[in-house]
C-alpha atoms as a PDB file:
ATOM      1  CA  MET A   1     -39.209  23.282  -3.655  1.00  0.00           C
ATOM      2  CA  TYR A   2     -38.197  25.992  -1.106  1.00  0.00           C
ATOM      3  CA  PHE A   3     -35.528  27.469  -3.310  1.00  0.00           C
ATOM      4  CA  GLU A   4     -36.371  28.676  -6.979  1.00  0.00           C
ATOM      5  CA  SER A   5     -33.009  27.733  -8.374  1.00  0.00           C
ATOM      6  CA  ILE A   6     -29.625  26.158  -7.511  1.00  0.00           C
ATOM      7  CA  GLU A   7     -28.144  29.542  -7.329  1.00  0.00           C
ATOM      8  CA  ALA A   8     -30.708  30.616  -4.708  1.00  0.00           C
ATOM      9  CA  LEU A   9     -29.947  27.395  -2.735  1.00  0.00           C
ATOM     10  CA  LEU A  10     -26.235  28.096  -2.852  1.00  0.00           C
ATOM     11  CA  ASN A  11     -26.718  31.787  -1.999  1.00  0.00           C
ATOM     12  CA  MET A  12     -29.424  31.430   0.689  1.00  0.00           C
ATOM     13  CA  SER A  13     -30.211  35.157   0.778  1.00  0.00           C
ATOM     14  CA  GLY A  14     -26.595  36.071   1.438  1.00  0.00           C
ATOM     15  CA  HIS A  15     -26.182  33.495   4.163  1.00  0.00           C
ATOM     16  CA  GLY A  16     -24.926  30.678   1.981  1.00  0.00           C
ATOM     17  CA  VAL A  17     -21.149  31.261   2.694  1.00  0.00           C
ATOM     18  CA  TYR A  18     -21.780  30.696   6.351  1.00  0.00           C
ATOM     19  CA  VAL A  19     -24.111  27.744   5.956  1.00  0.00           C
ATOM     20  CA  TRP A  20     -21.903  26.018   3.314  1.00  0.00           C
ATOM     21  CA  SER A  21     -18.710  26.577   5.281  1.00  0.00           C
ATOM     22  CA  SER A  22     -20.457  25.152   8.426  1.00  0.00           C
ATOM     23  CA  VAL A  23     -21.525  22.138   6.411  1.00  0.00           C
ATOM     24  CA  ALA A  24     -17.957  21.688   5.158  1.00  0.00           C
ATOM     25  CA  VAL A  25     -16.381  21.985   8.578  1.00  0.00           C
ATOM     26  CA  THR A  26     -18.962  19.626  10.057  1.00  0.00           C
ATOM     27  CA  LEU A  27     -18.322  17.059   7.292  1.00  0.00           C
ATOM     28  CA  ALA A  28     -14.602  17.331   7.781  1.00  0.00           C
ATOM     29  CA  ALA A  29     -14.878  16.798  11.480  1.00  0.00           C
ATOM     30  CA  MET A  30     -17.142  13.710  10.952  1.00  0.00           C
ATOM     31  CA  LEU A  31     -14.677  12.304   8.399  1.00  0.00           C
ATOM     32  CA  TRP A  32     -11.755  12.810  10.919  1.00  0.00           C
ATOM     33  CA  LEU A  33     -13.646  11.249  13.692  1.00  0.00           C
ATOM     34  CA  VAL A  34     -14.167   8.103  11.612  1.00  0.00           C
ATOM     35  CA  SER A  35     -10.717   7.858   9.968  1.00  0.00           C
ATOM     36  CA  ALA A  36      -8.409   8.848  12.906  1.00  0.00           C
ATOM     37  CA  PRO A  37      -9.282   5.694  15.013  1.00  0.00           C
ATOM     38  CA  LEU A  38      -8.936   3.501  12.010  1.00  0.00           C
ATOM     39  CA  LEU A  39      -5.426   4.938  11.161  1.00  0.00           C
ATOM     40  CA  ASN A  40      -4.395   4.712  14.884  1.00  0.00           C
ATOM     41  CA  HIS A  41      -5.632   1.051  15.023  1.00  0.00           C
ATOM     42  CA  ARG A  42      -3.662   0.170  11.853  1.00  0.00           C
ATOM     43  CA  ALA A  43      -0.466   1.827  13.324  1.00  0.00           C
ATOM     44  CA  LEU A  44      -0.924  -0.096  16.630  1.00  0.00           C
ATOM     45  CA  LEU A  45      -1.242  -3.366  14.837  1.00  0.00           C
ATOM     46  CA  LYS A  46       2.047  -2.639  12.961  1.00  0.00           C
ATOM     47  CA  GLU A  47       3.719  -1.808  16.342  1.00  0.00           C
ATOM     48  CA  VAL A  48       2.467  -4.976  17.978  1.00  0.00           C
ATOM     49  CA  ASN A  49       3.680  -7.082  15.054  1.00  0.00           C
ATOM     50  CA  ARG A  50       7.054  -5.484  15.260  1.00  0.00           C
ATOM     51  CA  ASP A  51       7.255  -6.284  18.970  1.00  0.00           C
ATOM     52  CA  ILE A  52       6.276  -9.858  18.442  1.00  0.00           C
ATOM     53  CA  GLN A  53       8.876 -10.272  15.701  1.00  0.00           C
ATOM     54  CA  ARG A  54      11.624  -8.661  17.926  1.00  0.00           C
ATOM     55  CA  GLN A  55      10.713 -11.080  20.761  1.00  0.00           C
ATOM     56  CA  GLN A  56      10.825 -14.110  18.416  1.00  0.00           C
ATOM     57  CA  ASP A  57      14.270 -12.850  17.159  1.00  0.00           C
ATOM     58  CA  ARG A  58      15.553 -12.556  20.764  1.00  0.00           C
ATOM     59  CA  GLU A  59      14.297 -16.089  21.605  1.00  0.00           C
ATOM     60  CA  LEU A  60      16.096 -17.430  18.561  1.00  0.00           C
ATOM     61  CA  ALA A  61      19.223 -15.713  19.379  1.00  0.00           C
ATOM     62  CA  ILE A  62      19.152 -17.106  23.054  1.00  0.00           C
ATOM     63  CA  LYS A  63      18.540 -20.622  21.713  1.00  0.00           C
ATOM     64  CA  ALA A  64      21.489 -20.343  19.340  1.00  0.00           C
ATOM     65  CA  THR A  65      23.876 -19.222  22.049  1.00  0.00           C
ATOM     66  CA  VAL A  66      22.907 -21.915  24.651  1.00  0.00           C
ATOM     67  CA  PRO A  67      25.043 -25.031  24.213  1.00  0.00           C
ATOM     68  CA  LYS A  68      23.040 -28.323  23.493  1.00  0.00           C
ATOM     69  CA  ASP A  69      25.138 -30.359  25.868  1.00  0.00           C
ATOM     70  CA  ASN A  70      24.362 -28.103  28.874  1.00  0.00           C
ATOM     71  CA  HIS A  71      22.116 -30.599  30.601  1.00  0.00           C
ATOM     72  CA  LYS A  72      24.437 -33.689  30.693  1.00  0.00           C
ATOM     73  CA  GLU A  73      25.489 -34.966  34.066  1.00  0.00           C
ATOM     74  CA  SER A  74      28.669 -36.605  34.777  1.00  0.00           C
ATOM     75  CA  HIS A  75      28.808 -39.812  36.914  1.00  0.00           C
END
């Protein structure tokens, strides 16, 4: 093994703070790059479902206001 102990691995001859903070920032960025599109996709699906429901409600309201005898012709 390159390092003699876990403490030496974490310390890395005084450079451990920089190395491990870089690892943490990189992992955080990678996690964000995976999770952000998933969250945006979920929000977009909810918005589309709301739009579909709103359109269906409008169509039902229009059907309710149109008289049923509107198409009768008088002879």
